[in-house]
Amino acid sequence: MSIHKGRGFACINYPIGMNLGGDPSQALVHSNPDGKFMVTLSAIDLGQGMKSVVRQIAAEALGVPIADVQVDTADSDTGPHDMGSFASRGTHRVGNAVIRASAEARKQMLEAAAEELEVAAADLDTDGKGNIIVKGSPSRSITISQTAIAAQFKQGRTLSGRGIFLIPPSPVDPDTGEMTPVTTFAHAALVVDLEVDDETGEVVVTEINSAYELGRALNEKLVEQQLIGGAWMGVAHALYETTEPYYPQRTHLPLDFNTYLMPGPAEVVPHHIAVLERPAEDAPFGGKGPGEMCANPVLPAVANAIYDAVGVRCDALPFTPEKILRGLRANGGAKKRAAY
């Protein structure tokens, strides 16, 4: 028995959202009587942290503390239309819609404050701490809470906004059919180090190193957690998860996580990440978001690392010990690892 070490590399250019049909997202923003703001969406947070990022985006666009913003994604019947949580589109599409809705609500808020302070709305600004101040005269101010009360109980005004982000349809070349399916791409490069046991076919990932270009990291901690968790989703797809041999038949399906194998917390390995920020022009505050790109490069990197370790080229998921042992038998044993 021998343990063979291998290293695999993969890179990816990942499209953000879609262009077919415009890929629209809508958002509504309104103030409650106490000056707190609610963002209403039909986009769903699947655990990727979209609610947190949307709160940040709305707070920045409104000019209010993040604690004064809440996000409601409860019901697609009562919320504005959204295409869905897929195609890594949440931060880009929803974030842009929230900026537009927040800008309209902010305009209403400043106009209401201007009426109370008897100045022009253009002369007002927010301090990000819950106050609206007169430019050049910070002592003249009104709280956002006082503004909301005055607007709704005195002026008869709503502090609300609507926003939609829609991608213009791409022109189609009449001769070639070529078009631009998306407006922006994210990028990644990833290296996986692993070990292969040539007696059992078992694969153990030992380290991951990656670099991601995703516009701007709007929430650095969420980005880090999503990249680490997403990478382990990729490892699970590469080495563990399967419904074979019965798929697509629905008989003999796994009943629980005792029969549907996945890597657990104890199997998480060091993952060193470099986040490269190159703000995208059409993205909310430059952020495109990691999305599905977290997991995608892991699979080919693992396949390349296995090939580097023992010379077996795996081309069907998952890369099980059985497949590796069959490959070793077909090759007459493990091939010597090439020197770097």
Foldseek 3Di string as FASTA:
>chain_A
DDKFKFKFKFKDKAFAAWAVVQQKFKWKWFADLQLAIEIEGQEDCPPLCLQVLLLLLLLVLLLAASVSYGYDNDDCVPGDDGPYPDSLHRQFRHSQNSSQWSNQLSLQLLVLQCVVLVHDSVQWDHPHYQKIAGVPGRVRIDGSSVSSNCQVPPVVHIRMGMGMRGRPHWDADPVPRDTDTHDHIKMKMKMWMWMADLVQRDIATAEMEMEIEFFDDSDVVSQVVCLQVQQQVLVCWAEFADQPDQPPDPPPGDDDCVRGDGDDPVRRHYYHYHYDHHFDPSGSVRGSGCPNVSRVRNNNRVQNRLCLGFNFRDDDPHSYSVSSNVSQVVVVHGDDHDDD
